[in-house]
């Protein structure tokens, strides 16, 4: 079973970046989620949201082309 949240070490490995840069990206994603009214956890990002923002997962094919 896949965990609901992705942590900094996983983000850094997935994107092949440093952990400090991964933290910056995670803070940005969490700010976006907070602006939408979601509760966030520092140092973790919702895995589904991460995949949507980086890989377009969950978008319709038409919207993915935009």
PDB file of N, CA and C in Angstrom:
ATOM      1  N   UNK A   1       0.841  -1.183   0.000  1.00  0.00           N
ATOM      2  CA  UNK A   1       0.000   0.000   0.000  1.00  0.00           C
ATOM      3  C   UNK A   1       0.886   1.247   0.000  1.00  0.00           C
ATOM      4  N   UNK A   2       0.615   2.142  -0.923  1.00  0.00           N
ATOM      5  CA  UNK A   2       1.413   3.355  -1.037  1.00  0.00           C
ATOM      6  C   UNK A   2       0.971   4.374   0.012  1.00  0.00           C
ATOM      7  N   UNK A   3       1.937   5.047   0.615  1.00  0.00           N
ATOM      8  CA  UNK A   3       1.640   6.044   1.635  1.00  0.00           C
ATOM      9  C   UNK A   3       1.006   7.271   1.000  1.00  0.00           C
ATOM     10  N   UNK A   4       0.174   7.977   1.779  1.00  0.00           N
ATOM     11  CA  UNK A   4      -0.535   9.146   1.265  1.00  0.00           C
ATOM     12  C   UNK A   4       0.367  10.362   1.102  1.00  0.00           C
ATOM     13  N   UNK A   5       1.448  10.418   1.861  1.00  0.00           N
ATOM     14  CA  UNK A   5       2.328  11.580   1.811  1.00  0.00           C
ATOM     15  C   UNK A   5       3.713  11.194   1.318  1.00  0.00           C
ATOM     16  N   UNK A   6       4.322  12.109   0.586  1.00  0.00           N
ATOM     17  CA  UNK A   6       5.685  11.926   0.115  1.00  0.00           C
ATOM     18  C   UNK A   6       6.583  12.828   0.954  1.00  0.00           C
ATOM     19  N   UNK A   7       7.742  12.329   1.331  1.00  0.00           N
ATOM     20  CA  UNK A   7       8.664  13.068   2.193  1.00  0.00           C
ATOM     21  C   UNK A   7       9.806  13.635   1.371  1.00  0.00           C
ATOM     22  N   UNK A   8      10.596  14.478   2.017  1.00  0.00           N
ATOM     23  CA  UNK A   8      11.642  15.215   1.308  1.00  0.00           C
ATOM     24  C   UNK A   8      12.654  14.297   0.635  1.00  0.00           C
ATOM     25  N   UNK A   9      13.035  13.216   1.278  1.00  0.00           N
ATOM     26  CA  UNK A   9      14.027  12.328   0.666  1.00  0.00           C
ATOM     27  C   UNK A   9      13.486  11.678  -0.604  1.00  0.00           C
ATOM     28  N   UNK A  10      12.188  11.366  -0.611  1.00  0.00           N
ATOM     29  CA  UNK A  10      11.578  10.786  -1.803  1.00  0.00           C
ATOM     30  C   UNK A  10      11.469  11.809  -2.931  1.00  0.00           C
ATOM     31  N   UNK A  11      11.104  13.047  -2.582  1.00  0.00           N
ATOM     32  CA  UNK A  11      11.005  14.113  -3.587  1.00  0.00           C
ATOM     33  C   UNK A  11      12.371  14.358  -4.213  1.00  0.00           C
ATOM     34  N   UNK A  12      13.404  14.463  -3.378  1.00  0.00           N
ATOM     35  CA  UNK A  12      14.759  14.704  -3.876  1.00  0.00           C
ATOM     36  C   UNK A  12      15.200  13.579  -4.809  1.00  0.00           C
ATOM     37  N   UNK A  13      14.932  12.359  -4.433  1.00  0.00           N
ATOM     38  CA  UNK A  13      15.326  11.215  -5.259  1.00  0.00           C
ATOM     39  C   UNK A  13      14.527  11.183  -6.563  1.00  0.00           C
ATOM     40  N   UNK A  14      13.228  11.388  -6.469  1.00  0.00           N
ATOM     41  CA  UNK A  14      12.350  11.344  -7.640  1.00  0.00           C
ATOM     42  C   UNK A  14      12.730  12.399  -8.679  1.00  0.00           C
ATOM     43  N   UNK A  15      13.062  13.607  -8.204  1.00  0.00           N
ATOM     44  CA  UNK A  15      13.369  14.711  -9.115  1.00  0.00           C
ATOM     45  C   UNK A  15      14.863  14.882  -9.366  1.00  0.00           C
ATOM     46  N   UNK A  16      15.672  14.059  -8.689  1.00  0.00           N
ATOM     47  CA  UNK A  16      17.133  14.124  -8.804  1.00  0.00           C
ATOM     48  C   UNK A  16      17.652  15.528  -8.481  1.00  0.00           C
ATOM     49  N   UNK A  17      17.241  16.004  -7.293  1.00  0.00           N
ATOM     50  CA  UNK A  17      17.658  17.319  -6.806  1.00  0.00           C
ATOM     51  C   UNK A  17      18.129  17.175  -5.364  1.00  0.00           C
ATOM     52  N   UNK A  18      18.700  18.263  -4.827  1.00  0.00           N
ATOM     53  CA  UNK A  18      19.149  18.237  -3.435  1.00  0.00           C
ATOM     54  C   UNK A  18      17.941  18.284  -2.501  1.00  0.00           C
ATOM     55  N   UNK A  19      18.156  17.867  -1.261  1.00  0.00           N
ATOM     56  CA  UNK A  19      17.067  17.915  -0.283  1.00  0.00           C
ATOM     57  C   UNK A  19      16.655  19.346   0.015  1.00  0.00           C
ATOM     58  N   UNK A  20      17.603  20.291   0.015  1.00  0.00           N
ATOM     59  CA  UNK A  20      17.236  21.682   0.287  1.00  0.00           C
ATOM     60  C   UNK A  20      16.319  22.221  -0.811  1.00  0.00           C
ATOM     61  N   UNK A  21      16.586  21.862  -2.049  1.00  0.00           N
ATOM     62  CA  UNK A  21      15.706  22.299  -3.140  1.00  0.00           C
ATOM     63  C   UNK A  21      14.359  21.581  -3.057  1.00  0.00           C
ATOM     64  N   UNK A  22      14.375  20.329  -2.648  1.00  0.00           N
ATOM     65  CA  UNK A  22      13.132  19.574  -2.478  1.00  0.00           C
ATOM     66  C   UNK A  22      12.252  20.226  -1.415  1.00  0.00           C
ATOM     67  N   UNK A  23      12.858  20.718  -0.322  1.00  0.00           N
ATOM     68  CA  UNK A  23      12.091  21.420   0.710  1.00  0.00           C
ATOM     69  C   UNK A  23      11.422  22.658   0.134  1.00  0.00           C
ATOM     70  N   UNK A  24      12.123  23.405  -0.719  1.00  0.00           N
ATOM     71  CA  UNK A  24      11.539  24.607  -1.334  1.00  0.00           C
ATOM     72  C   UNK A  24      10.318  24.242  -2.173  1.00  0.00           C
ATOM     73  N   UNK A  25      10.440  23.184  -2.942  1.00  0.00           N
ATOM     74  CA  UNK A  25       9.321  22.740  -3.773  1.00  0.00           C
ATOM     75  C   UNK A  25       8.156  22.293  -2.904  1.00  0.00           C
ATOM     76  N   UNK A  26       8.451  21.563  -1.839  1.00  0.00           N
ATOM     77  CA  UNK A  26       7.401  21.079  -0.949  1.00  0.00           C
ATOM     78  C   UNK A  26       6.682  22.229  -0.257  1.00  0.00           C
ATOM     79  N   UNK A  27       7.429  23.258   0.141  1.00  0.00           N
ATOM     80  CA  UNK A  27       6.787  24.431   0.752  1.00  0.00           C
ATOM     81  C   UNK A  27       5.843  25.101  -0.238  1.00  0.00           C
ATOM     82  N   UNK A  28       6.271  25.204  -1.492  1.00  0.00           N
ATOM     83  CA  UNK A  28       5.427  25.806  -2.528  1.00  0.00           C
ATOM     84  C   UNK A  28       4.150  24.990  -2.725  1.00  0.00           C
ATOM     85  N   UNK A  29       4.289  23.692  -2.836  1.00  0.00           N
ATOM     86  CA  UNK A  29       3.116  22.837  -3.017  1.00  0.00           C
ATOM     87  C   UNK A  29       2.176  22.931  -1.820  1.00  0.00           C
ATOM     88  N   UNK A  30       2.734  22.959  -0.612  1.00  0.00           N
ATOM     89  CA  UNK A  30       1.897  23.075   0.582  1.00  0.00           C
ATOM     90  C   UNK A  30       1.193  24.429   0.641  1.00  0.00           C
ATOM     91  N   UNK A  31       1.853  25.497   0.193  1.00  0.00           N
ATOM     92  CA  UNK A  31       1.190  26.811   0.145  1.00  0.00           C
ATOM     93  C   UNK A  31       0.013  26.778  -0.831  1.00  0.00           C
ATOM     94  N   UNK A  32       0.200  26.111  -1.965  1.00  0.00           N
ATOM     95  CA  UNK A  32      -0.891  25.974  -2.931  1.00  0.00           C
ATOM     96  C   UNK A  32      -2.069  25.231  -2.311  1.00  0.00           C
ATOM     97  N   UNK A  33      -1.778  24.155  -1.597  1.00  0.00           N
ATOM     98  CA  UNK A  33      -2.840  23.382  -0.951  1.00  0.00           C
ATOM     99  C   UNK A  33      -3.540  24.197   0.131  1.00  0.00           C
ATOM    100  N   UNK A  34      -2.769  24.957   0.912  1.00  0.00           N
ATOM    101  CA  UNK A  34      -3.361  25.803   1.952  1.00  0.00           C
ATOM    102  C   UNK A  34      -4.285  26.849   1.339  1.00  0.00           C
ATOM    103  N   UNK A  35      -3.888  27.419   0.200  1.00  0.00           N
ATOM    104  CA  UNK A  35      -4.714  28.414  -0.484  1.00  0.00           C
ATOM    105  C   UNK A  35      -6.040  27.810  -0.948  1.00  0.00           C
ATOM    106  N   UNK A  36      -6.049  26.505  -1.173  1.00  0.00           N
ATOM    107  CA  UNK A  36      -7.269  25.801  -1.572  1.00  0.00           C
ATOM    108  C   UNK A  36      -8.077  25.342  -0.367  1.00  0.00           C
ATOM    109  N   UNK A  37      -7.577  25.625   0.838  1.00  0.00           N
ATOM    110  CA  UNK A  37      -8.312  25.292   2.050  1.00  0.00           C
ATOM    111  C   UNK A  37      -7.942  23.972   2.699  1.00  0.00           C
ATOM    112  N   UNK A  38      -6.884  23.333   2.233  1.00  0.00           N
ATOM    113  CA  UNK A  38      -6.463  22.059   2.811  1.00  0.00           C
ATOM    114  C   UNK A  38      -5.508  22.274   3.981  1.00  0.00           C
ATOM    115  N   UNK A  39      -5.504  21.345   4.900  1.00  0.00           N
ATOM    116  CA  UNK A  39      -4.552  21.343   6.006  1.00  0.00           C
ATOM    117  C   UNK A  39      -3.310  20.612   5.517  1.00  0.00           C
ATOM    118  N   UNK A  40      -2.137  21.166   5.803  1.00  0.00           N
ATOM    119  CA  UNK A  40      -0.889  20.555   5.344  1.00  0.00           C
ATOM    120  C   UNK A  40      -0.016  20.173   6.532  1.00  0.00           C
ATOM    121  N   UNK A  41       0.959  19.325   6.264  1.00  0.00           N
ATOM    122  CA  UNK A  41       1.915  18.888   7.277  1.00  0.00           C
ATOM    123  C   UNK A  41       3.301  19.277   6.789  1.00  0.00           C
ATOM    124  N   UNK A  42       4.041  20.015   7.611  1.00  0.00           N
ATOM    125  CA  UNK A  42       5.387  20.443   7.227  1.00  0.00           C
ATOM    126  C   UNK A  42       6.270  19.229   6.964  1.00  0.00           C
ATOM    127  N   UNK A  43       7.062  19.312   5.900  1.00  0.00           N
ATOM    128  CA  UNK A  43       7.971  18.226   5.571  1.00  0.00           C
ATOM    129  C   UNK A  43       7.339  17.076   4.806  1.00  0.00           C
ATOM    130  N   UNK A  44       6.056  17.220   4.485  1.00  0.00           N
ATOM    131  CA  UNK A  44       5.341  16.189   3.735  1.00  0.00           C
ATOM    132  C   UNK A  44       4.378  16.862   2.767  1.00  0.00           C
ATOM    133  N   UNK A  45       4.155  16.204   1.638  1.00  0.00           N
ATOM    134  CA  UNK A  45       3.202  16.698   0.645  1.00  0.00           C
ATOM    135  C   UNK A  45       2.324  15.525   0.232  1.00  0.00           C
ATOM    136  N   UNK A  46       1.067  15.811  -0.008  1.00  0.00           N
ATOM    137  CA  UNK A  46       0.165  14.778  -0.484  1.00  0.00           C
ATOM    138  C   UNK A  46       0.721  14.189  -1.776  1.00  0.00           C
ATOM    139  N   UNK A  47       0.898  12.880  -1.798  1.00  0.00           N
ATOM    140  CA  UNK A  47       1.521  12.193  -2.935  1.00  0.00           C
ATOM    141  C   UNK A  47       0.719  12.396  -4.223  1.00  0.00           C
ATOM    142  N   UNK A  48      -0.602  12.346  -4.133  1.00  0.00           N
ATOM    143  CA  UNK A  48      -1.441  12.518  -5.314  1.00  0.00           C
ATOM    144  C   UNK A  48      -1.269  13.924  -5.889  1.00  0.00           C
ATOM    145  N   UNK A  49      -1.234  14.941  -5.025  1.00  0.00           N
ATOM    146  CA  UNK A  49      -1.059  16.318  -5.496  1.00  0.00           C
ATOM    147  C   UNK A  49       0.319  16.494  -6.124  1.00  0.00           C
ATOM    148  N   UNK A  50       1.343  15.920  -5.509  1.00  0.00           N
ATOM    149  CA  UNK A  50       2.695  15.977  -6.066  1.00  0.00           C
ATOM    150  C   UNK A  50       2.700  15.399  -7.480  1.00  0.00           C
ATOM    151  N   UNK A  51       2.099  14.230  -7.658  1.00  0.00           N
ATOM    152  CA  UNK A  51       2.064  13.596  -8.978  1.00  0.00           C
ATOM    153  C   UNK A  51       1.274  14.416  -9.990  1.00  0.00           C
ATOM    154  N   UNK A  52       0.177  15.027  -9.548  1.00  0.00           N
ATOM    155  CA  UNK A  52      -0.604  15.880 -10.446  1.00  0.00           C
ATOM    156  C   UNK A  52       0.215  17.071 -10.919  1.00  0.00           C
ATOM    157  N   UNK A  53       0.922  17.710 -10.002  1.00  0.00           N
ATOM    158  CA  UNK A  53       1.677  18.921 -10.343  1.00  0.00           C
ATOM    159  C   UNK A  53       2.906  18.627 -11.192  1.00  0.00           C
ATOM    160  N   UNK A  54       3.542  17.492 -10.996  1.00  0.00           N
ATOM    161  CA  UNK A  54       4.766  17.199 -11.734  1.00  0.00           C
ATOM    162  C   UNK A  54       4.553  16.327 -12.960  1.00  0.00           C
ATOM    163  N   UNK A  55       3.562  15.482 -12.938  1.00  0.00           N
ATOM    164  CA  UNK A  55       3.394  14.537 -14.033  1.00  0.00           C
ATOM    165  C   UNK A  55       2.039  14.628 -14.711  1.00  0.00           C
ATOM    166  N   UNK A  56       1.166  15.496 -14.216  1.00  0.00           N
ATOM    167  CA  UNK A  56      -0.142  15.650 -14.829  1.00  0.00           C
ATOM    168  C   UNK A  56      -1.093  14.508 -14.553  1.00  0.00           C
ATOM    169  N   UNK A  57      -0.792  13.689 -13.562  1.00  0.00           N
ATOM    170  CA  UNK A  57      -1.657  12.558 -13.224  1.00  0.00           C
ATOM    171  C   UNK A  57      -3.029  13.065 -12.808  1.00  0.00           C
ATOM    172  N   UNK A  58      -4.063  12.432 -13.307  1.00  0.00           N
ATOM    173  CA  UNK A  58      -5.416  12.792 -12.917  1.00  0.00           C
ATOM    174  C   UNK A  58      -6.058  13.826 -13.825  1.00  0.00           C
ATOM    175  N   UNK A  59      -5.316  14.381 -14.766  1.00  0.00           N
ATOM    176  CA  UNK A  59      -5.886  15.356 -15.690  1.00  0.00           C
ATOM    177  C   UNK A  59      -6.476  14.632 -16.885  1.00  0.00           C
ATOM    178  N   UNK A  60      -7.488  15.258 -17.466  1.00  0.00           N
ATOM    179  CA  UNK A  60      -8.013  14.684 -18.701  1.00  0.00           C
ATOM    180  C   UNK A  60      -7.004  14.932 -19.811  1.00  0.00           C
ATOM    181  N   UNK A  61      -7.069  14.147 -20.855  1.00  0.00           N
ATOM    182  CA  UNK A  61      -6.094  14.266 -21.945  1.00  0.00           C
ATOM    183  C   UNK A  61      -6.155  15.650 -22.582  1.00  0.00           C
ATOM    184  N   UNK A  62      -7.347  16.209 -22.718  1.00  0.00           N
ATOM    185  CA  UNK A  62      -7.491  17.529 -23.330  1.00  0.00           C
ATOM    186  C   UNK A  62      -6.822  18.607 -22.485  1.00  0.00           C
ATOM    187  N   UNK A  63      -7.017  18.576 -21.171  1.00  0.00           N
ATOM    188  CA  UNK A  63      -6.407  19.566 -20.283  1.00  0.00           C
ATOM    189  C   UNK A  63      -4.903  19.395 -20.194  1.00  0.00           C
ATOM    190  N   UNK A  64      -4.411  18.195 -20.353  1.00  0.00           N
ATOM    191  CA  UNK A  64      -2.979  17.935 -20.252  1.00  0.00           C
ATOM    192  C   UNK A  64      -2.214  18.601 -21.387  1.00  0.00           C
ATOM    193  N   UNK A  65      -2.870  18.830 -22.510  1.00  0.00           N
ATOM    194  CA  UNK A  65      -2.205  19.462 -23.649  1.00  0.00           C
ATOM    195  C   UNK A  65      -2.090  20.964 -23.491  1.00  0.00           C
ATOM    196  N   UNK A  66      -2.850  21.561 -22.622  1.00  0.00           N
ATOM    197  CA  UNK A  66      -2.851  23.029 -22.464  1.00  0.00           C
ATOM    198  C   UNK A  66      -1.606  23.555 -21.853  1.00  0.00           C
TER     199      UNK A  66
END
